[in-house]
Amino acid sequence: MALISSSLRASRQAGALRLGAVASASRAPPQPRRWQERGVKTQPAYEGHVPLNWFEAGFLTLGSAFMSLANPRRGDMVAALGDLTSGPVLPRLRDAMLESAEGRQILKERPRVNSHTVDMDKLALLPEGTFGNAYVTWLERCGVTPDTREPVHYVDDPELAYVMQRYRECHDFYHCICGLPVNVESELALKFFEFANLGLPMAGIAAAFGHLRLTQAKRERLFREFVPWAIKCGSSAQSLITVYWEKRWEQNVDDMKKEFGIWDPPEPRWSRPLSEAKAAAAKRQTDARARAEQAAFL
């Protein structure tokens, strides 16, 4: 009897332990399923970063490519395609920057290019022929600002993301130093130049398909005159990703071209005469000088 009682007590204790375990399991928070684990484990690597798995990246690459070709004005889609296709090239561009004194300084300081970081009034006061004055005149002539560049979202490595952002924000400097306006044929010419100079796939995609939107006459001129210049000049010039443009505002533009190995393209089609742009830049210069004198007086 004692043996039976002892066995019953052991059975009840085991049952109680099992019930306790079941109750604890029911109170414990549910474990995430496999499809939920990505959201739990993945964290952004920098501000604005959007981590993607392979399926999401592939789907967005195809979608952004289609939208970019259908409507090149969709800057968000063009930027997304650039982010998603630049992976193999960005490490090489970073290495090129690390091999250059200017490039290393850029990676260390990580400057940004926009109307808050660039003093346009100060550039307007620089003498004609300097890069800073030429840049302000180019902005006036093309009617653009440096504030239109999309931020990088889909490059996972923070340093490589900055390299991509740097390229994007310096794109207008390439326009300026090459003397190209903002229109479809000039933009395509610069894309051929960028692909030859930097090797970015997005530039190659734009160059390969963007000309389909041109008229036959413009397409023929693009390939007859601009493409040979872009490929030859871009492939032989210094890698422009290594240039610290903001340190060269006061340098002569022609001297910079000689240093970088850049020569002028065929005469492009401008929508605004240079005289009007120079007049607007001169007015900006006058206004900037007046504000500087007023600030000094106060």
C-alpha atoms as a PDB file:
ATOM      1  CA  MET A   1       0.000   0.000   0.000  1.00  0.00           C
ATOM      2  CA  ALA A   2       2.801   2.359   0.876  1.00  0.00           C
ATOM      3  CA  LEU A   3       4.366   1.614  -2.515  1.00  0.00           C
ATOM      4  CA  ILE A   4       1.071   2.338  -4.325  1.00  0.00           C
ATOM      5  CA  SER A   5       0.561   5.587  -2.403  1.00  0.00           C
ATOM      6  CA  SER A   6       4.066   6.646  -3.218  1.00  0.00           C
ATOM      7  CA  SER A   7       3.515   5.962  -6.940  1.00  0.00           C
ATOM      8  CA  LEU A   8       0.264   7.929  -6.944  1.00  0.00           C
ATOM      9  CA  ARG A   9       1.941  10.896  -5.294  1.00  0.00           C
ATOM     10  CA  ALA A  10       4.744  10.775  -7.881  1.00  0.00           C
ATOM     11  CA  SER A  11       2.208  10.626 -10.712  1.00  0.00           C
ATOM     12  CA  ARG A  12       0.279  13.612  -9.327  1.00  0.00           C
ATOM     13  CA  GLN A  13       3.502  15.607  -8.929  1.00  0.00           C
ATOM     14  CA  ALA A  14       4.555  14.810 -12.528  1.00  0.00           C
ATOM     15  CA  GLY A  15       1.112  15.783 -13.782  1.00  0.00           C
ATOM     16  CA  ALA A  16       1.277  19.021 -11.852  1.00  0.00           C
ATOM     17  CA  LEU A  17       4.660  19.787 -13.376  1.00  0.00           C
ATOM     18  CA  ARG A  18       3.294  19.111 -16.866  1.00  0.00           C
ATOM     19  CA  LEU A  19       0.277  21.350 -16.251  1.00  0.00           C
ATOM     20  CA  GLY A  20       2.571  24.065 -14.932  1.00  0.00           C
ATOM     21  CA  ALA A  21       4.722  23.828 -18.013  1.00  0.00           C
ATOM     22  CA  VAL A  22       1.669  24.063 -20.277  1.00  0.00           C
ATOM     23  CA  ALA A  23       0.391  27.077 -18.345  1.00  0.00           C
ATOM     24  CA  SER A  24       3.797  28.794 -18.578  1.00  0.00           C
ATOM     25  CA  ALA A  25       3.947  28.122 -22.293  1.00  0.00           C
ATOM     26  CA  SER A  26       0.482  29.590 -22.760  1.00  0.00           C
ATOM     27  CA  ARG A  27       1.533  32.746 -20.881  1.00  0.00           C
ATOM     28  CA  ALA A  28       4.825  33.144 -22.826  1.00  0.00           C
ATOM     29  CA  PRO A  29       4.785  35.553 -25.799  1.00  0.00           C
ATOM     30  CA  PRO A  30       4.385  33.828 -29.178  1.00  0.00           C
ATOM     31  CA  GLN A  31       7.606  33.230 -31.077  1.00  0.00           C
ATOM     32  CA  PRO A  32       7.862  34.954 -34.457  1.00  0.00           C
ATOM     33  CA  ARG A  33       7.334  32.772 -37.473  1.00  0.00           C
ATOM     34  CA  ARG A  34      10.061  32.487 -40.107  1.00  0.00           C
ATOM     35  CA  TRP A  35       8.476  35.105 -42.365  1.00  0.00           C
ATOM     36  CA  GLN A  36       8.395  37.496 -39.401  1.00  0.00           C
ATOM     37  CA  GLU A  37      12.025  37.033 -38.362  1.00  0.00           C
ATOM     38  CA  ARG A  38      13.425  39.462 -40.959  1.00  0.00           C
ATOM     39  CA  GLY A  39      11.473  42.374 -39.499  1.00  0.00           C
ATOM     40  CA  VAL A  40      12.689  41.542 -35.997  1.00  0.00           C
ATOM     41  CA  LYS A  41      16.369  41.099 -36.827  1.00  0.00           C
ATOM     42  CA  THR A  42      16.989  43.722 -39.561  1.00  0.00           C
ATOM     43  CA  GLN A  43      17.845  47.240 -38.446  1.00  0.00           C
ATOM     44  CA  PRO A  44      18.693  50.282 -40.634  1.00  0.00           C
ATOM     45  CA  ALA A  45      22.440  50.899 -40.913  1.00  0.00           C
ATOM     46  CA  TYR A  46      22.076  54.692 -41.285  1.00  0.00           C
ATOM     47  CA  GLU A  47      19.411  57.373 -41.393  1.00  0.00           C
ATOM     48  CA  GLY A  48      17.099  56.762 -44.326  1.00  0.00           C
ATOM     49  CA  HIS A  49      18.368  53.229 -44.969  1.00  0.00           C
ATOM     50  CA  VAL A  50      15.718  50.742 -46.091  1.00  0.00           C
ATOM     51  CA  PRO A  51      17.031  47.159 -45.756  1.00  0.00           C
ATOM     52  CA  LEU A  52      15.702  44.751 -48.380  1.00  0.00           C
ATOM     53  CA  ASN A  53      15.904  40.990 -48.777  1.00  0.00           C
ATOM     54  CA  TRP A  54      16.822  39.474 -52.122  1.00  0.00           C
ATOM     55  CA  PHE A  55      13.225  39.177 -53.315  1.00  0.00           C
ATOM     56  CA  GLU A  56      12.347  42.756 -52.416  1.00  0.00           C
ATOM     57  CA  ALA A  57      15.548  44.065 -54.018  1.00  0.00           C
ATOM     58  CA  GLY A  58      14.893  42.137 -57.234  1.00  0.00           C
ATOM     59  CA  PHE A  59      11.264  43.228 -57.412  1.00  0.00           C
ATOM     60  CA  LEU A  60      12.149  46.891 -56.792  1.00  0.00           C
ATOM     61  CA  THR A  61      14.987  46.755 -59.330  1.00  0.00           C
ATOM     62  CA  LEU A  62      12.633  45.585 -62.079  1.00  0.00           C
ATOM     63  CA  GLY A  63       9.914  48.030 -61.075  1.00  0.00           C
ATOM     64  CA  SER A  64      12.231  51.035 -60.826  1.00  0.00           C
ATOM     65  CA  ALA A  65      13.864  50.155 -64.159  1.00  0.00           C
ATOM     66  CA  PHE A  66      10.474  50.084 -65.869  1.00  0.00           C
ATOM     67  CA  MET A  67       9.327  53.341 -64.266  1.00  0.00           C
ATOM     68  CA  SER A  68      12.637  55.096 -64.975  1.00  0.00           C
ATOM     69  CA  LEU A  69      12.433  54.260 -68.672  1.00  0.00           C
ATOM     70  CA  ALA A  70       8.733  55.096 -68.874  1.00  0.00           C
ATOM     71  CA  ASN A  71       9.093  58.408 -67.041  1.00  0.00           C
ATOM     72  CA  PRO A  72      12.670  59.686 -66.521  1.00  0.00           C
ATOM     73  CA  ARG A  73      11.281  62.555 -64.433  1.00  0.00           C
ATOM     74  CA  ARG A  74      10.521  60.096 -61.639  1.00  0.00           C
ATOM     75  CA  GLY A  75      13.628  60.989 -59.659  1.00  0.00           C
ATOM     76  CA  ASP A  76      12.742  58.583 -56.868  1.00  0.00           C
ATOM     77  CA  MET A  77      12.651  55.635 -59.265  1.00  0.00           C
ATOM     78  CA  VAL A  78      15.845  56.688 -61.037  1.00  0.00           C
ATOM     79  CA  ALA A  79      17.571  56.992 -57.659  1.00  0.00           C
ATOM     80  CA  ALA A  80      16.260  53.609 -56.498  1.00  0.00           C
ATOM     81  CA  LEU A  81      17.552  51.938 -59.657  1.00  0.00           C
ATOM     82  CA  GLY A  82      20.921  53.601 -59.123  1.00  0.00           C
ATOM     83  CA  ASP A  83      21.089  52.355 -55.529  1.00  0.00           C
ATOM     84  CA  LEU A  84      20.115  48.806 -56.399  1.00  0.00           C
ATOM     85  CA  THR A  85      22.432  48.339 -59.378  1.00  0.00           C
ATOM     86  CA  SER A  86      25.556  50.057 -58.041  1.00  0.00           C
ATOM     87  CA  GLY A  87      26.650  47.356 -55.592  1.00  0.00           C
ATOM     88  CA  PRO A  88      29.575  45.839 -57.550  1.00  0.00           C
ATOM     89  CA  VAL A  89      30.988  49.255 -58.547  1.00  0.00           C
ATOM     90  CA  LEU A  90      30.837  51.261 -55.305  1.00  0.00           C
ATOM     91  CA  PRO A  91      33.715  49.386 -53.578  1.00  0.00           C
ATOM     92  CA  ARG A  92      35.942  50.182 -56.554  1.00  0.00           C
ATOM     93  CA  LEU A  93      34.987  53.868 -56.437  1.00  0.00           C
ATOM     94  CA  ARG A  94      35.679  53.951 -52.703  1.00  0.00           C
ATOM     95  CA  ASP A  95      39.095  52.369 -53.303  1.00  0.00           C
ATOM     96  CA  ALA A  96      39.840  55.030 -55.900  1.00  0.00           C
ATOM     97  CA  MET A  97      38.958  57.690 -53.335  1.00  0.00           C
ATOM     98  CA  LEU A  98      41.189  56.047 -50.738  1.00  0.00           C
ATOM     99  CA  GLU A  99      44.110  56.183 -53.172  1.00  0.00           C
ATOM    100  CA  SER A 100      43.692  59.949 -53.566  1.00  0.00           C
ATOM    101  CA  ALA A 101      44.485  62.593 -50.944  1.00  0.00           C
ATOM    102  CA  GLU A 102      41.353  64.537 -51.889  1.00  0.00           C
ATOM    103  CA  GLY A 103      39.284  61.365 -51.911  1.00  0.00           C
ATOM    104  CA  ARG A 104      40.453  60.367 -48.439  1.00  0.00           C
ATOM    105  CA  GLN A 105      39.560  63.821 -47.141  1.00  0.00           C
ATOM    106  CA  ILE A 106      36.094  63.536 -48.674  1.00  0.00           C
ATOM    107  CA  LEU A 107      35.490  60.162 -47.014  1.00  0.00           C
ATOM    108  CA  LYS A 108      36.716  61.547 -43.702  1.00  0.00           C
ATOM    109  CA  GLU A 109      34.690  64.768 -43.711  1.00  0.00           C
ATOM    110  CA  ARG A 110      31.678  63.541 -45.738  1.00  0.00           C
ATOM    111  CA  PRO A 111      30.589  66.948 -47.086  1.00  0.00           C
ATOM    112  CA  ARG A 112      27.117  67.418 -48.523  1.00  0.00           C
ATOM    113  CA  VAL A 113      26.116  69.611 -51.462  1.00  0.00           C
ATOM    114  CA  ASN A 114      22.929  71.649 -51.142  1.00  0.00           C
ATOM    115  CA  SER A 115      21.833  75.256 -50.738  1.00  0.00           C
ATOM    116  CA  HIS A 116      22.393  75.048 -46.977  1.00  0.00           C
ATOM    117  CA  THR A 117      26.008  73.872 -47.197  1.00  0.00           C
ATOM    118  CA  VAL A 118      27.096  75.914 -50.237  1.00  0.00           C
ATOM    119  CA  ASP A 119      27.131  79.711 -49.843  1.00  0.00           C
ATOM    120  CA  MET A 120      25.826  80.831 -53.225  1.00  0.00           C
ATOM    121  CA  ASP A 121      26.284  84.507 -52.386  1.00  0.00           C
ATOM    122  CA  LYS A 122      29.961  83.905 -51.644  1.00  0.00           C
ATOM    123  CA  LEU A 123      30.411  82.029 -54.913  1.00  0.00           C
ATOM    124  CA  ALA A 124      28.695  84.851 -56.815  1.00  0.00           C
ATOM    125  CA  LEU A 125      31.348  87.269 -55.517  1.00  0.00           C
ATOM    126  CA  LEU A 126      34.188  85.210 -56.976  1.00  0.00           C
ATOM    127  CA  PRO A 127      35.840  86.505 -60.180  1.00  0.00           C
ATOM    128  CA  GLU A 128      34.627  85.337 -63.574  1.00  0.00           C
ATOM    129  CA  GLY A 129      36.566  82.294 -64.727  1.00  0.00           C
ATOM    130  CA  THR A 130      36.682  80.667 -61.308  1.00  0.00           C
ATOM    131  CA  PHE A 131      34.892  77.385 -60.767  1.00  0.00           C
ATOM    132  CA  GLY A 132      32.618  78.857 -58.088  1.00  0.00           C
ATOM    133  CA  ASN A 133      31.461  81.673 -60.367  1.00  0.00           C
ATOM    134  CA  ALA A 134      31.042  79.261 -63.271  1.00  0.00           C
ATOM    135  CA  TYR A 135      28.894  76.977 -61.094  1.00  0.00           C
ATOM    136  CA  VAL A 136      26.559  79.800 -60.021  1.00  0.00           C
ATOM    137  CA  THR A 137      26.263  80.971 -63.639  1.00  0.00           C
ATOM    138  CA  TRP A 138      25.492  77.394 -64.744  1.00  0.00           C
ATOM    139  CA  LEU A 139      22.741  77.102 -62.107  1.00  0.00           C
ATOM    140  CA  GLU A 140      21.221  80.399 -63.280  1.00  0.00           C
ATOM    141  CA  ARG A 141      21.421  79.412 -66.934  1.00  0.00           C
ATOM    142  CA  CYS A 142      19.818  76.006 -66.382  1.00  0.00           C
ATOM    143  CA  GLY A 143      17.298  77.171 -63.789  1.00  0.00           C
ATOM    144  CA  VAL A 144      18.141  74.408 -61.295  1.00  0.00           C
ATOM    145  CA  THR A 145      19.238  74.176 -57.664  1.00  0.00           C
ATOM    146  CA  PRO A 146      21.453  71.683 -55.811  1.00  0.00           C
ATOM    147  CA  ASP A 147      18.511  70.617 -53.634  1.00  0.00           C
ATOM    148  CA  THR A 148      16.885  68.127 -55.990  1.00  0.00           C
ATOM    149  CA  ARG A 149      19.015  65.035 -55.347  1.00  0.00           C
ATOM    150  CA  GLU A 150      17.278  62.038 -53.803  1.00  0.00           C
ATOM    151  CA  PRO A 151      18.885  60.516 -50.693  1.00  0.00           C
ATOM    152  CA  VAL A 152      20.340  57.006 -50.848  1.00  0.00           C
ATOM    153  CA  HIS A 153      18.077  54.337 -49.331  1.00  0.00           C
ATOM    154  CA  TYR A 154      19.013  50.897 -50.665  1.00  0.00           C
ATOM    155  CA  VAL A 155      22.803  50.630 -50.305  1.00  0.00           C
ATOM    156  CA  ASP A 156      23.461  48.585 -47.155  1.00  0.00           C
ATOM    157  CA  ASP A 157      26.998  49.679 -46.262  1.00  0.00           C
ATOM    158  CA  PRO A 158      27.038  53.232 -44.770  1.00  0.00           C
ATOM    159  CA  GLU A 159      30.350  54.225 -46.351  1.00  0.00           C
ATOM    160  CA  LEU A 160      29.339  52.939 -49.772  1.00  0.00           C
ATOM    161  CA  ALA A 161      26.005  54.699 -49.366  1.00  0.00           C
ATOM    162  CA  TYR A 162      27.903  57.950 -48.885  1.00  0.00           C
ATOM    163  CA  VAL A 163      29.973  57.296 -52.023  1.00  0.00           C
ATOM    164  CA  MET A 164      26.722  56.924 -53.953  1.00  0.00           C
ATOM    165  CA  GLN A 165      25.303  60.067 -52.367  1.00  0.00           C
ATOM    166  CA  ARG A 166      28.495  61.949 -53.204  1.00  0.00           C
ATOM    167  CA  TYR A 167      28.241  60.967 -56.868  1.00  0.00           C
ATOM    168  CA  ARG A 168      24.606  62.017 -56.949  1.00  0.00           C
ATOM    169  CA  GLU A 169      25.202  65.421 -55.379  1.00  0.00           C
ATOM    170  CA  CYS A 170      28.252  66.150 -57.569  1.00  0.00           C
ATOM    171  CA  HIS A 171      26.416  65.374 -60.806  1.00  0.00           C
ATOM    172  CA  ASP A 172      25.809  69.070 -61.480  1.00  0.00           C
ATOM    173  CA  PHE A 173      29.525  69.767 -61.063  1.00  0.00           C
ATOM    174  CA  TYR A 174      30.135  67.326 -63.932  1.00  0.00           C
ATOM    175  CA  HIS A 175      27.622  69.276 -66.037  1.00  0.00           C
ATOM    176  CA  CYS A 176      29.378  72.513 -65.182  1.00  0.00           C
ATOM    177  CA  ILE A 177      32.962  71.399 -65.802  1.00  0.00           C
ATOM    178  CA  CYS A 178      31.973  69.752 -69.096  1.00  0.00           C
ATOM    179  CA  GLY A 179      29.840  72.701 -70.222  1.00  0.00           C
ATOM    180  CA  LEU A 180      26.639  70.714 -70.712  1.00  0.00           C
ATOM    181  CA  PRO A 181      23.106  72.047 -70.077  1.00  0.00           C
ATOM    182  CA  VAL A 182      20.116  70.183 -68.660  1.00  0.00           C
ATOM    183  CA  ASN A 183      18.221  68.632 -71.574  1.00  0.00           C
ATOM    184  CA  VAL A 184      17.715  65.084 -72.751  1.00  0.00           C
ATOM    185  CA  GLU A 185      20.529  64.890 -75.300  1.00  0.00           C
ATOM    186  CA  SER A 186      23.070  66.632 -73.036  1.00  0.00           C
ATOM    187  CA  GLU A 187      22.049  64.474 -70.099  1.00  0.00           C
ATOM    188  CA  LEU A 188      22.556  61.357 -72.199  1.00  0.00           C
ATOM    189  CA  ALA A 189      25.958  62.623 -73.333  1.00  0.00           C
ATOM    190  CA  LEU A 190      26.933  63.068 -69.699  1.00  0.00           C
ATOM    191  CA  LYS A 191      25.648  59.577 -68.864  1.00  0.00           C
ATOM    192  CA  PHE A 192      27.958  58.120 -71.497  1.00  0.00           C
ATOM    193  CA  PHE A 193      30.770  60.205 -69.968  1.00  0.00           C
ATOM    194  CA  GLU A 194      29.942  59.017 -66.426  1.00  0.00           C
ATOM    195  CA  PHE A 195      29.750  55.393 -67.482  1.00  0.00           C
ATOM    196  CA  ALA A 196      33.168  55.641 -69.135  1.00  0.00           C
ATOM    197  CA  ASN A 197      34.625  57.551 -66.178  1.00  0.00           C
ATOM    198  CA  LEU A 198      32.988  55.834 -63.190  1.00  0.00           C
ATOM    199  CA  GLY A 199      31.442  52.627 -64.528  1.00  0.00           C
ATOM    200  CA  LEU A 200      28.122  53.043 -62.716  1.00  0.00           C
ATOM    201  CA  PRO A 201      25.515  50.643 -64.182  1.00  0.00           C
ATOM    202  CA  MET A 202      22.730  53.233 -63.889  1.00  0.00           C
ATOM    203  CA  ALA A 203      24.641  55.576 -66.201  1.00  0.00           C
ATOM    204  CA  GLY A 204      25.050  52.709 -68.667  1.00  0.00           C
ATOM    205  CA  ILE A 205      21.357  51.821 -68.529  1.00  0.00           C
ATOM    206  CA  ALA A 206      20.362  55.441 -69.142  1.00  0.00           C
ATOM    207  CA  ALA A 207      22.838  55.691 -72.018  1.00  0.00           C
ATOM    208  CA  ALA A 208      21.642  52.438 -73.587  1.00  0.00           C
ATOM    209  CA  PHE A 209      17.909  53.150 -73.512  1.00  0.00           C
ATOM    210  CA  GLY A 210      17.439  56.885 -72.969  1.00  0.00           C
ATOM    211  CA  HIS A 211      18.160  57.787 -76.601  1.00  0.00           C
ATOM    212  CA  LEU A 212      14.981  55.976 -77.658  1.00  0.00           C
ATOM    213  CA  ARG A 213      13.044  59.045 -76.506  1.00  0.00           C
ATOM    214  CA  LEU A 214      14.920  61.347 -78.918  1.00  0.00           C
ATOM    215  CA  THR A 215      13.903  62.297 -82.426  1.00  0.00           C
ATOM    216  CA  GLN A 216      15.873  60.658 -85.208  1.00  0.00           C
ATOM    217  CA  ALA A 217      17.823  63.849 -85.913  1.00  0.00           C
ATOM    218  CA  LYS A 218      18.802  64.336 -82.274  1.00  0.00           C
ATOM    219  CA  ARG A 219      19.698  60.654 -81.909  1.00  0.00           C
ATOM    220  CA  GLU A 220      21.945  60.798 -84.950  1.00  0.00           C
ATOM    221  CA  ARG A 221      23.753  63.873 -83.632  1.00  0.00           C
ATOM    222  CA  LEU A 222      24.099  62.277 -80.188  1.00  0.00           C
ATOM    223  CA  PHE A 223      25.898  59.217 -81.573  1.00  0.00           C
ATOM    224  CA  ARG A 224      27.777  61.105 -84.262  1.00  0.00           C
ATOM    225  CA  GLU A 225      29.169  63.931 -82.110  1.00  0.00           C
ATOM    226  CA  PHE A 226      28.575  63.537 -78.382  1.00  0.00           C
ATOM    227  CA  VAL A 227      29.075  59.827 -77.760  1.00  0.00           C
ATOM    228  CA  PRO A 228      32.599  59.679 -79.250  1.00  0.00           C
ATOM    229  CA  TRP A 229      33.573  62.700 -77.125  1.00  0.00           C
ATOM    230  CA  ALA A 230      31.980  61.219 -73.981  1.00  0.00           C
ATOM    231  CA  ILE A 231      33.616  57.806 -74.287  1.00  0.00           C
ATOM    232  CA  LYS A 232      37.077  59.108 -75.179  1.00  0.00           C
ATOM    233  CA  CYS A 233      37.080  61.974 -72.677  1.00  0.00           C
ATOM    234  CA  GLY A 234      35.410  60.050 -69.860  1.00  0.00           C
ATOM    235  CA  SER A 235      37.682  57.023 -70.140  1.00  0.00           C
ATOM    236  CA  SER A 236      40.899  59.083 -70.171  1.00  0.00           C
ATOM    237  CA  ALA A 237      39.961  61.739 -67.587  1.00  0.00           C
ATOM    238  CA  GLN A 238      40.712  61.542 -63.876  1.00  0.00           C
ATOM    239  CA  SER A 239      38.032  59.741 -61.878  1.00  0.00           C
ATOM    240  CA  LEU A 240      35.793  62.653 -60.914  1.00  0.00           C
ATOM    241  CA  ILE A 241      34.560  60.905 -57.752  1.00  0.00           C
ATOM    242  CA  THR A 242      37.955  61.752 -56.210  1.00  0.00           C
ATOM    243  CA  VAL A 243      37.616  65.532 -56.703  1.00  0.00           C
ATOM    244  CA  TYR A 244      36.876  67.688 -53.642  1.00  0.00           C
ATOM    245  CA  TRP A 245      34.963  70.293 -55.622  1.00  0.00           C
ATOM    246  CA  GLU A 246      34.172  72.504 -52.640  1.00  0.00           C
ATOM    247  CA  LYS A 247      37.891  73.074 -52.060  1.00  0.00           C
ATOM    248  CA  ARG A 248      38.304  74.378 -55.621  1.00  0.00           C
ATOM    249  CA  TRP A 249      35.781  77.209 -55.827  1.00  0.00           C
ATOM    250  CA  GLU A 250      38.507  79.806 -56.419  1.00  0.00           C
ATOM    251  CA  GLN A 251      40.447  77.750 -58.964  1.00  0.00           C
ATOM    252  CA  ASN A 252      40.379  78.637 -62.652  1.00  0.00           C
ATOM    253  CA  VAL A 253      38.009  76.401 -64.622  1.00  0.00           C
ATOM    254  CA  ASP A 254      40.349  75.986 -67.573  1.00  0.00           C
ATOM    255  CA  ASP A 255      43.172  74.947 -65.237  1.00  0.00           C
ATOM    256  CA  MET A 256      40.876  72.373 -63.642  1.00  0.00           C
ATOM    257  CA  LYS A 257      39.976  70.927 -67.046  1.00  0.00           C
ATOM    258  CA  LYS A 258      43.651  70.559 -67.924  1.00  0.00           C
ATOM    259  CA  GLU A 259      44.349  68.911 -64.564  1.00  0.00           C
ATOM    260  CA  PHE A 260      41.489  66.427 -64.947  1.00  0.00           C
ATOM    261  CA  GLY A 261      42.101  65.746 -68.631  1.00  0.00           C
ATOM    262  CA  ILE A 262      38.724  67.113 -69.789  1.00  0.00           C
ATOM    263  CA  TRP A 263      38.089  68.961 -73.036  1.00  0.00           C
ATOM    264  CA  ASP A 264      34.936  70.659 -74.272  1.00  0.00           C
ATOM    265  CA  PRO A 265      32.179  68.631 -75.951  1.00  0.00           C
ATOM    266  CA  PRO A 266      30.552  69.633 -79.252  1.00  0.00           C
ATOM    267  CA  GLU A 267      28.447  72.787 -78.931  1.00  0.00           C
ATOM    268  CA  PRO A 268      25.263  71.792 -77.039  1.00  0.00           C
ATOM    269  CA  ARG A 269      21.790  73.284 -77.307  1.00  0.00           C
ATOM    270  CA  TRP A 270      21.100  75.753 -74.486  1.00  0.00           C
ATOM    271  CA  SER A 271      17.583  76.934 -73.666  1.00  0.00           C
ATOM    272  CA  ARG A 272      18.847  80.218 -72.193  1.00  0.00           C
ATOM    273  CA  PRO A 273      21.539  82.504 -73.637  1.00  0.00           C
ATOM    274  CA  LEU A 274      24.748  82.847 -71.663  1.00  0.00           C
ATOM    275  CA  SER A 275      24.304  86.620 -71.551  1.00  0.00           C
ATOM    276  CA  GLU A 276      21.067  86.252 -69.568  1.00  0.00           C
ATOM    277  CA  ALA A 277      22.690  83.838 -67.122  1.00  0.00           C
ATOM    278  CA  LYS A 278      25.647  86.173 -66.647  1.00  0.00           C
ATOM    279  CA  ALA A 279      23.259  89.079 -66.048  1.00  0.00           C
ATOM    280  CA  ALA A 280      21.390  87.054 -63.429  1.00  0.00           C
ATOM    281  CA  ALA A 281      24.684  86.013 -61.821  1.00  0.00           C
ATOM    282  CA  ALA A 282      25.851  89.635 -61.806  1.00  0.00           C
ATOM    283  CA  LYS A 283      22.623  90.682 -60.077  1.00  0.00           C
ATOM    284  CA  ARG A 284      23.163  87.964 -57.497  1.00  0.00           C
ATOM    285  CA  GLN A 285      26.699  89.279 -57.038  1.00  0.00           C
ATOM    286  CA  THR A 286      25.451  92.836 -56.515  1.00  0.00           C
ATOM    287  CA  ASP A 287      22.813  91.704 -54.029  1.00  0.00           C
ATOM    288  CA  ALA A 288      25.348  89.566 -52.173  1.00  0.00           C
ATOM    289  CA  ARG A 289      27.799  92.463 -51.950  1.00  0.00           C
ATOM    290  CA  ALA A 290      25.047  94.743 -50.610  1.00  0.00           C
ATOM    291  CA  ARG A 291      24.061  92.203 -47.962  1.00  0.00           C
ATOM    292  CA  ALA A 292      27.699  91.751 -46.949  1.00  0.00           C
ATOM    293  CA  GLU A 293      28.166  95.542 -46.587  1.00  0.00           C
ATOM    294  CA  GLN A 294      24.950  95.824 -44.586  1.00  0.00           C
ATOM    295  CA  ALA A 295      26.034  93.002 -42.266  1.00  0.00           C
ATOM    296  CA  ALA A 296      29.441  94.638 -41.756  1.00  0.00           C
ATOM    297  CA  PHE A 297      27.762  97.988 -40.976  1.00  0.00           C
ATOM    298  CA  LEU A 298      25.508  96.388 -38.365  1.00  0.00           C
END
